[in-house]
N, C-alpha and C. Protein backbone atom coordinates (compact mmCIF):
# COMPACT_ATOMS: atom_id res chain seq x y z
N UNK A 1 1.16 30.25 30.09
CA UNK A 1 1.16 29.15 29.13
C UNK A 1 -0.19 28.73 28.84
N UNK A 2 -1.13 28.56 29.83
CA UNK A 2 -2.45 28.14 29.49
C UNK A 2 -3.22 29.17 28.68
N UNK A 3 -2.95 30.48 28.85
CA UNK A 3 -3.63 31.45 27.99
C UNK A 3 -3.19 31.26 26.52
N UNK A 4 -1.92 31.03 26.33
CA UNK A 4 -1.40 30.82 24.98
C UNK A 4 -2.08 29.57 24.32
N UNK A 5 -2.20 28.56 25.15
CA UNK A 5 -2.82 27.31 24.66
C UNK A 5 -4.29 27.56 24.31
N UNK A 6 -5.03 28.24 25.13
CA UNK A 6 -6.43 28.54 24.87
C UNK A 6 -6.55 29.45 23.57
N UNK A 7 -5.68 30.45 23.49
CA UNK A 7 -5.65 31.33 22.34
C UNK A 7 -5.39 30.51 21.02
N UNK A 8 -4.36 29.64 21.10
CA UNK A 8 -3.98 28.82 19.95
C UNK A 8 -5.19 27.90 19.47
N UNK A 9 -5.82 27.32 20.45
CA UNK A 9 -6.97 26.47 20.10
C UNK A 9 -8.13 27.24 19.46
N UNK A 10 -8.39 28.42 20.03
CA UNK A 10 -9.41 29.27 19.44
C UNK A 10 -9.08 29.68 18.05
N UNK A 11 -7.82 30.01 17.76
CA UNK A 11 -7.37 30.40 16.48
C UNK A 11 -7.45 29.27 15.48
N UNK A 12 -7.24 28.05 15.92
CA UNK A 12 -7.38 26.85 15.04
C UNK A 12 -8.83 26.71 14.71
N UNK A 13 -9.77 26.86 15.64
CA UNK A 13 -11.20 26.69 15.28
C UNK A 13 -11.65 27.78 14.35
N UNK A 14 -11.22 29.03 14.60
CA UNK A 14 -11.62 30.11 13.70
C UNK A 14 -11.00 29.92 12.31
N UNK A 15 -9.79 29.47 12.18
CA UNK A 15 -9.19 29.25 10.89
C UNK A 15 -9.89 28.11 10.15
N UNK A 16 -10.40 27.18 10.85
CA UNK A 16 -11.11 26.06 10.22
C UNK A 16 -12.49 26.38 9.75
N UNK A 17 -13.10 27.51 10.10
CA UNK A 17 -14.33 27.88 9.65
C UNK A 17 -14.27 28.62 8.34
N UNK A 18 -14.31 27.93 7.23
CA UNK A 18 -14.21 28.60 5.94
C UNK A 18 -15.57 28.49 5.27
N UNK A 19 -15.73 29.33 4.29
CA UNK A 19 -16.97 29.35 3.47
C UNK A 19 -16.95 28.17 2.51
N UNK A 20 -17.93 27.29 2.61
CA UNK A 20 -17.97 26.09 1.76
C UNK A 20 -18.12 26.47 0.27
N UNK A 21 -18.76 27.55 -0.04
CA UNK A 21 -18.93 27.94 -1.42
C UNK A 21 -17.59 28.17 -2.14
N UNK A 22 -16.60 28.65 -1.43
CA UNK A 22 -15.26 28.84 -2.02
C UNK A 22 -14.66 27.51 -2.36
N UNK A 23 -14.80 26.51 -1.59
CA UNK A 23 -14.25 25.25 -1.79
C UNK A 23 -14.76 24.53 -3.01
N UNK A 24 -15.96 24.74 -3.36
CA UNK A 24 -16.59 24.10 -4.55
C UNK A 24 -15.81 24.50 -5.84
N UNK A 25 -15.46 25.71 -5.96
CA UNK A 25 -14.77 26.16 -7.12
C UNK A 25 -13.34 25.52 -7.19
N UNK A 26 -12.78 25.19 -6.04
CA UNK A 26 -11.42 24.60 -6.08
C UNK A 26 -11.37 23.15 -6.34
N UNK A 27 -12.51 22.44 -6.22
CA UNK A 27 -12.56 21.00 -6.35
C UNK A 27 -13.86 20.59 -7.10
N UNK A 28 -14.01 20.96 -8.36
CA UNK A 28 -15.25 20.69 -9.08
C UNK A 28 -15.46 19.18 -9.35
N UNK A 29 -16.73 18.74 -9.47
CA UNK A 29 -16.98 17.33 -9.70
C UNK A 29 -16.62 16.98 -11.11
N UNK A 30 -15.70 16.03 -11.24
CA UNK A 30 -15.25 15.51 -12.55
C UNK A 30 -15.05 14.03 -12.41
N UNK A 31 -14.94 13.40 -13.58
CA UNK A 31 -14.70 11.93 -13.62
C UNK A 31 -14.98 11.37 -15.02
N UNK A 32 -15.45 10.15 -15.08
CA UNK A 32 -15.79 9.46 -16.30
C UNK A 32 -17.16 8.77 -16.21
N UNK A 33 -17.87 8.81 -17.33
CA UNK A 33 -19.06 8.03 -17.47
C UNK A 33 -18.94 7.27 -18.74
N UNK A 34 -19.04 5.93 -18.64
CA UNK A 34 -18.81 5.03 -19.74
C UNK A 34 -17.43 5.25 -20.41
N UNK A 35 -16.41 5.54 -19.58
CA UNK A 35 -15.06 5.70 -20.08
C UNK A 35 -14.73 7.06 -20.72
N UNK A 36 -15.74 7.98 -20.77
CA UNK A 36 -15.57 9.28 -21.36
C UNK A 36 -15.55 10.33 -20.29
N UNK A 37 -14.62 11.31 -20.51
CA UNK A 37 -14.49 12.38 -19.50
C UNK A 37 -15.84 13.05 -19.30
N UNK A 38 -16.13 13.38 -18.02
CA UNK A 38 -17.36 14.05 -17.68
C UNK A 38 -17.06 15.07 -16.69
N UNK A 39 -17.64 16.32 -16.82
CA UNK A 39 -17.41 17.38 -15.92
C UNK A 39 -18.82 17.97 -15.58
N UNK A 40 -19.08 18.10 -14.31
CA UNK A 40 -20.37 18.67 -13.83
C UNK A 40 -20.56 20.08 -14.29
N UNK A 41 -21.76 20.35 -14.86
CA UNK A 41 -22.05 21.73 -15.29
C UNK A 41 -23.20 22.31 -14.45
N UNK A 42 -24.26 21.61 -14.23
CA UNK A 42 -25.34 22.03 -13.37
C UNK A 42 -26.24 20.86 -13.01
N UNK A 43 -27.12 21.07 -12.04
CA UNK A 43 -28.04 20.02 -11.62
C UNK A 43 -29.14 20.51 -10.71
N UNK A 44 -30.05 19.59 -10.53
CA UNK A 44 -31.22 19.90 -9.65
C UNK A 44 -31.53 18.76 -8.74
N UNK A 45 -32.30 19.10 -7.67
CA UNK A 45 -32.87 18.12 -6.79
C UNK A 45 -34.21 18.58 -6.41
N UNK A 46 -35.07 17.61 -6.03
CA UNK A 46 -36.44 17.91 -5.56
C UNK A 46 -36.73 17.05 -4.34
N UNK A 47 -37.55 17.57 -3.48
CA UNK A 47 -37.96 16.69 -2.28
C UNK A 47 -38.79 15.57 -2.78
N UNK A 48 -38.50 14.39 -2.34
CA UNK A 48 -39.23 13.19 -2.74
C UNK A 48 -39.78 12.52 -1.41
N UNK A 49 -40.94 12.85 -1.09
CA UNK A 49 -41.57 12.39 0.17
C UNK A 49 -42.14 11.00 0.08
N UNK A 50 -42.32 10.52 -1.15
CA UNK A 50 -43.02 9.22 -1.28
C UNK A 50 -42.06 8.02 -1.36
N UNK A 51 -41.06 8.17 -2.23
CA UNK A 51 -40.19 7.01 -2.45
C UNK A 51 -38.95 7.08 -1.60
N UNK A 52 -38.11 8.07 -1.72
CA UNK A 52 -36.79 8.14 -1.13
C UNK A 52 -36.85 8.80 0.24
N UNK A 53 -37.88 9.51 0.55
CA UNK A 53 -37.87 10.27 1.79
C UNK A 53 -36.63 11.12 1.93
N UNK A 54 -36.31 11.78 0.81
CA UNK A 54 -35.16 12.58 0.75
C UNK A 54 -35.17 13.54 -0.45
N UNK A 55 -34.06 13.59 -1.14
CA UNK A 55 -33.96 14.40 -2.37
C UNK A 55 -33.61 13.52 -3.53
N UNK A 56 -34.26 13.71 -4.66
CA UNK A 56 -33.87 13.04 -5.91
C UNK A 56 -33.56 14.05 -6.91
N UNK A 57 -32.56 13.73 -7.78
CA UNK A 57 -32.14 14.76 -8.76
C UNK A 57 -31.30 14.17 -9.89
N UNK A 58 -30.85 15.07 -10.74
CA UNK A 58 -30.05 14.73 -11.86
C UNK A 58 -28.88 15.77 -12.00
N UNK A 59 -27.70 15.28 -12.37
CA UNK A 59 -26.56 16.11 -12.56
C UNK A 59 -26.15 16.08 -14.03
N UNK A 60 -26.13 17.33 -14.64
CA UNK A 60 -25.86 17.43 -16.05
C UNK A 60 -24.42 17.89 -16.31
N UNK A 61 -23.87 17.54 -17.43
CA UNK A 61 -22.61 18.16 -17.83
C UNK A 61 -22.82 19.51 -18.39
N UNK A 62 -23.96 19.77 -18.91
CA UNK A 62 -24.36 21.08 -19.49
C UNK A 62 -24.59 22.10 -18.41
N UNK A 63 -24.00 23.34 -18.60
CA UNK A 63 -24.34 24.45 -17.72
C UNK A 63 -25.61 25.07 -18.08
N UNK A 64 -26.58 24.98 -17.21
CA UNK A 64 -27.94 25.53 -17.48
C UNK A 64 -28.24 26.69 -16.57
N UNK A 65 -28.91 27.72 -17.14
CA UNK A 65 -29.34 28.84 -16.42
C UNK A 65 -30.39 28.47 -15.33
N UNK A 66 -31.29 27.62 -15.75
CA UNK A 66 -32.31 27.06 -14.81
C UNK A 66 -32.43 25.59 -14.98
N UNK A 67 -31.68 24.76 -14.23
CA UNK A 67 -31.75 23.29 -14.35
C UNK A 67 -33.11 22.72 -13.93
N UNK A 68 -33.92 23.54 -13.27
CA UNK A 68 -35.28 23.01 -12.82
C UNK A 68 -36.25 22.84 -14.02
N UNK A 69 -36.00 23.49 -15.14
CA UNK A 69 -36.91 23.32 -16.25
C UNK A 69 -36.37 22.34 -17.33
N UNK A 70 -35.16 21.83 -17.13
CA UNK A 70 -34.63 20.87 -18.12
C UNK A 70 -35.29 19.50 -17.91
N UNK A 71 -35.74 18.95 -19.02
CA UNK A 71 -36.31 17.59 -18.96
C UNK A 71 -35.16 16.62 -18.84
N UNK A 72 -35.42 15.36 -18.57
CA UNK A 72 -34.43 14.30 -18.49
C UNK A 72 -33.67 14.22 -19.74
N UNK A 73 -32.50 13.66 -19.71
CA UNK A 73 -31.52 13.69 -20.82
C UNK A 73 -31.08 12.29 -21.22
N UNK A 74 -30.71 12.17 -22.46
CA UNK A 74 -30.05 10.95 -22.93
C UNK A 74 -28.53 11.08 -23.00
N UNK A 75 -28.04 12.30 -22.66
CA UNK A 75 -26.63 12.49 -22.54
C UNK A 75 -26.11 11.90 -21.22
N UNK A 76 -24.79 11.61 -21.20
CA UNK A 76 -24.28 11.08 -19.95
C UNK A 76 -24.55 11.99 -18.72
N UNK A 77 -24.97 11.42 -17.65
CA UNK A 77 -25.38 12.14 -16.49
C UNK A 77 -25.35 11.25 -15.26
N UNK A 78 -25.56 11.83 -14.08
CA UNK A 78 -25.73 11.11 -12.85
C UNK A 78 -27.13 11.36 -12.34
N UNK A 79 -27.74 10.32 -11.83
CA UNK A 79 -29.04 10.42 -11.11
C UNK A 79 -28.75 10.10 -9.71
N UNK A 80 -29.39 10.85 -8.77
CA UNK A 80 -29.15 10.62 -7.32
C UNK A 80 -30.48 10.60 -6.59
N UNK A 81 -30.45 9.87 -5.51
CA UNK A 81 -31.48 9.97 -4.47
C UNK A 81 -30.72 9.92 -3.18
N UNK A 82 -30.76 11.02 -2.43
CA UNK A 82 -29.93 11.27 -1.20
C UNK A 82 -30.81 11.68 -0.04
N UNK A 83 -30.35 11.46 1.15
CA UNK A 83 -31.03 11.99 2.37
C UNK A 83 -30.98 13.54 2.28
N UNK A 84 -31.97 14.17 2.93
CA UNK A 84 -31.93 15.63 2.99
C UNK A 84 -31.26 16.16 4.32
N UNK A 85 -30.74 15.26 5.08
CA UNK A 85 -29.99 15.58 6.27
C UNK A 85 -28.48 15.83 5.92
N UNK A 86 -27.96 16.79 6.63
CA UNK A 86 -26.52 16.97 6.49
C UNK A 86 -25.82 15.77 7.08
N UNK A 87 -24.63 15.42 6.45
CA UNK A 87 -23.86 14.34 7.01
C UNK A 87 -23.03 13.61 5.93
N UNK A 88 -22.29 12.60 6.33
CA UNK A 88 -21.41 11.85 5.48
C UNK A 88 -21.97 10.45 5.40
N UNK A 89 -22.16 9.97 4.18
CA UNK A 89 -22.80 8.66 3.96
C UNK A 89 -21.94 7.84 3.02
N UNK A 90 -21.65 6.55 3.41
CA UNK A 90 -20.96 5.62 2.61
C UNK A 90 -21.77 5.11 1.50
N UNK A 91 -21.20 4.79 0.36
CA UNK A 91 -21.78 4.18 -0.81
C UNK A 91 -21.36 2.74 -0.85
N UNK A 92 -22.22 1.78 -1.18
CA UNK A 92 -23.70 2.05 -1.43
C UNK A 92 -24.38 2.37 -0.12
N UNK A 93 -25.52 3.07 -0.27
CA UNK A 93 -26.28 3.45 0.97
C UNK A 93 -26.78 2.18 1.59
N UNK A 94 -27.07 2.23 2.91
CA UNK A 94 -27.63 1.10 3.65
C UNK A 94 -29.00 0.76 3.24
N UNK A 95 -29.73 1.73 2.61
CA UNK A 95 -31.08 1.48 2.12
C UNK A 95 -31.13 1.69 0.59
N UNK A 96 -31.89 0.82 -0.03
CA UNK A 96 -31.97 0.95 -1.52
C UNK A 96 -32.75 2.21 -1.97
N UNK A 97 -33.37 2.91 -1.03
CA UNK A 97 -34.09 4.12 -1.45
C UNK A 97 -33.15 5.23 -1.83
N UNK A 98 -31.86 5.16 -1.48
CA UNK A 98 -30.88 6.15 -1.85
C UNK A 98 -29.89 5.54 -2.77
N UNK A 99 -29.38 6.37 -3.73
CA UNK A 99 -28.43 5.79 -4.73
C UNK A 99 -27.78 6.91 -5.43
N UNK A 100 -26.62 6.58 -6.11
CA UNK A 100 -25.95 7.39 -7.07
C UNK A 100 -25.80 6.49 -8.29
N UNK A 101 -26.38 6.94 -9.46
CA UNK A 101 -26.36 6.10 -10.59
C UNK A 101 -25.68 6.84 -11.80
N UNK A 102 -24.75 6.17 -12.45
CA UNK A 102 -24.14 6.64 -13.64
C UNK A 102 -25.01 6.22 -14.81
N UNK A 103 -25.30 7.12 -15.72
CA UNK A 103 -26.05 6.74 -16.93
C UNK A 103 -25.39 7.38 -18.18
N UNK A 104 -25.03 6.49 -19.10
CA UNK A 104 -24.37 6.94 -20.29
C UNK A 104 -25.38 7.46 -21.35
N UNK A 105 -26.60 6.98 -21.38
CA UNK A 105 -27.52 7.32 -22.43
C UNK A 105 -28.98 7.42 -21.93
N UNK A 106 -29.23 7.45 -20.70
CA UNK A 106 -30.55 7.51 -20.19
C UNK A 106 -31.23 6.16 -20.03
N UNK A 107 -30.57 5.08 -20.54
CA UNK A 107 -31.12 3.74 -20.47
C UNK A 107 -30.17 2.82 -19.71
N UNK A 108 -28.91 2.85 -20.10
CA UNK A 108 -27.89 1.96 -19.46
C UNK A 108 -27.48 2.66 -18.18
N UNK A 109 -27.62 1.96 -17.06
CA UNK A 109 -27.29 2.57 -15.76
C UNK A 109 -26.39 1.68 -14.90
N UNK A 110 -25.49 2.33 -14.15
CA UNK A 110 -24.61 1.62 -13.17
C UNK A 110 -24.67 2.28 -11.84
N UNK A 111 -25.05 1.58 -10.88
CA UNK A 111 -25.20 2.11 -9.47
C UNK A 111 -23.80 2.09 -8.80
N UNK A 112 -23.41 3.20 -8.24
CA UNK A 112 -22.13 3.36 -7.55
C UNK A 112 -22.08 2.35 -6.48
N UNK A 113 -20.98 1.56 -6.39
CA UNK A 113 -20.86 0.54 -5.37
C UNK A 113 -19.72 0.84 -4.35
N UNK A 114 -19.05 1.95 -4.48
CA UNK A 114 -18.03 2.31 -3.59
C UNK A 114 -17.89 3.81 -3.50
N UNK A 115 -17.53 4.33 -2.36
CA UNK A 115 -17.26 5.79 -2.20
C UNK A 115 -18.09 6.35 -1.05
N UNK A 116 -18.35 7.65 -1.07
CA UNK A 116 -19.12 8.33 -0.10
C UNK A 116 -19.67 9.59 -0.62
N UNK A 117 -20.70 10.10 0.01
CA UNK A 117 -21.33 11.38 -0.35
C UNK A 117 -21.42 12.17 0.95
N UNK A 118 -20.97 13.46 0.98
CA UNK A 118 -21.15 14.33 2.13
C UNK A 118 -22.14 15.44 1.71
N UNK A 119 -23.27 15.56 2.44
CA UNK A 119 -24.19 16.60 2.24
C UNK A 119 -23.79 17.70 3.15
N UNK A 120 -23.16 18.77 2.58
CA UNK A 120 -22.54 19.82 3.38
C UNK A 120 -23.54 20.80 3.88
N UNK A 121 -24.51 21.17 3.03
CA UNK A 121 -25.54 22.23 3.46
C UNK A 121 -26.79 21.96 2.61
N UNK A 122 -27.89 22.25 3.24
CA UNK A 122 -29.19 22.24 2.53
C UNK A 122 -29.86 23.57 2.87
N UNK A 123 -30.15 24.40 1.86
CA UNK A 123 -30.81 25.72 2.11
C UNK A 123 -32.11 25.66 1.39
N UNK A 124 -32.81 26.75 1.39
CA UNK A 124 -34.12 26.80 0.71
C UNK A 124 -34.03 26.83 -0.77
N UNK A 125 -32.78 27.04 -1.30
CA UNK A 125 -32.56 27.15 -2.75
C UNK A 125 -31.54 26.22 -3.36
N UNK A 126 -30.70 25.62 -2.49
CA UNK A 126 -29.62 24.78 -3.05
C UNK A 126 -29.14 23.81 -2.05
N UNK A 127 -28.43 22.75 -2.59
CA UNK A 127 -27.81 21.73 -1.78
C UNK A 127 -26.39 21.68 -2.17
N UNK A 128 -25.49 21.74 -1.15
CA UNK A 128 -24.04 21.72 -1.42
C UNK A 128 -23.59 20.29 -1.03
N UNK A 129 -22.82 19.66 -1.96
CA UNK A 129 -22.43 18.23 -1.82
C UNK A 129 -21.04 18.05 -2.22
N UNK A 130 -20.38 17.08 -1.55
CA UNK A 130 -19.09 16.55 -1.94
C UNK A 130 -19.31 15.07 -2.25
N UNK A 131 -18.85 14.60 -3.45
CA UNK A 131 -19.09 13.21 -3.81
C UNK A 131 -17.90 12.53 -4.28
N UNK A 132 -17.66 11.34 -3.85
CA UNK A 132 -16.59 10.41 -4.37
C UNK A 132 -17.30 9.11 -4.61
N UNK A 133 -17.56 8.81 -5.85
CA UNK A 133 -18.32 7.57 -6.17
C UNK A 133 -17.73 6.83 -7.33
N UNK A 134 -17.87 5.52 -7.26
CA UNK A 134 -17.31 4.70 -8.35
C UNK A 134 -18.17 3.44 -8.54
N UNK A 135 -18.33 3.12 -9.86
CA UNK A 135 -18.87 1.73 -10.17
C UNK A 135 -17.74 0.80 -10.66
N UNK A 136 -16.86 1.39 -11.55
CA UNK A 136 -15.71 0.63 -12.03
C UNK A 136 -14.69 1.66 -12.58
N UNK A 137 -13.73 1.19 -13.34
CA UNK A 137 -12.68 2.08 -13.86
C UNK A 137 -13.28 3.07 -14.91
N UNK A 138 -14.41 2.75 -15.46
CA UNK A 138 -15.03 3.54 -16.51
C UNK A 138 -16.13 4.45 -16.03
N UNK A 139 -16.49 4.31 -14.80
CA UNK A 139 -17.65 5.10 -14.23
C UNK A 139 -17.31 5.56 -12.83
N UNK A 140 -16.85 6.78 -12.68
CA UNK A 140 -16.38 7.30 -11.38
C UNK A 140 -16.38 8.77 -11.47
N UNK A 141 -16.65 9.45 -10.33
CA UNK A 141 -16.55 10.91 -10.18
C UNK A 141 -16.13 11.25 -8.80
N UNK A 142 -15.51 12.50 -8.69
CA UNK A 142 -15.17 13.00 -7.40
C UNK A 142 -15.08 14.53 -7.46
N UNK A 143 -15.59 15.13 -6.41
CA UNK A 143 -15.55 16.62 -6.29
C UNK A 143 -16.78 17.24 -5.67
N UNK A 144 -16.75 18.56 -5.64
CA UNK A 144 -17.83 19.29 -4.99
C UNK A 144 -18.75 19.95 -6.02
N UNK A 145 -19.99 20.16 -5.64
CA UNK A 145 -20.96 20.75 -6.50
C UNK A 145 -22.13 21.27 -5.73
N UNK A 146 -22.85 22.16 -6.43
CA UNK A 146 -24.10 22.73 -5.85
C UNK A 146 -25.26 22.45 -6.77
N UNK A 147 -26.37 21.96 -6.17
CA UNK A 147 -27.58 21.67 -6.88
C UNK A 147 -28.68 22.59 -6.52
N UNK A 148 -29.42 23.04 -7.56
CA UNK A 148 -30.57 23.82 -7.35
C UNK A 148 -31.66 23.06 -6.79
N UNK A 149 -32.26 23.54 -5.70
CA UNK A 149 -33.38 22.85 -5.09
C UNK A 149 -34.70 23.40 -5.71
N UNK A 150 -35.36 22.58 -6.46
CA UNK A 150 -36.52 22.97 -7.21
C UNK A 150 -37.81 22.62 -6.49
N UNK A 151 -38.92 23.23 -6.83
CA UNK A 151 -40.26 22.96 -6.26
C UNK A 151 -40.77 21.65 -6.70
């Protein structure tokens, strides 16, 4: 009986080890910005050693071949400043250096006041994230995404 129990537990652990990249396609980041449907297309982050002591970036609705060369936009988007450590963090962050901001036009901004962000993986080229964030009924997103890590 104990061998069966040990085998069952090992099987559960092995079955739980899935490739995170597969999950992103099954649960893409979607929501609303300023009451309009918004779907994540691409995004970028950079190391920010001076202000946030983490990663800062922007999430576009547009699918870009190289999001690192796109200048800031006046289209609806998300701006983020997040820790570069893996983990799960409640929103709003405990420190004002980190944030998730909804922007409808590059000027009007709403900082997420509820939800969480999970930094799943940080590699030399990308950051894998799951986000559930909300400011109000007109500004909210949820899902998985991958951001290009730029120089």
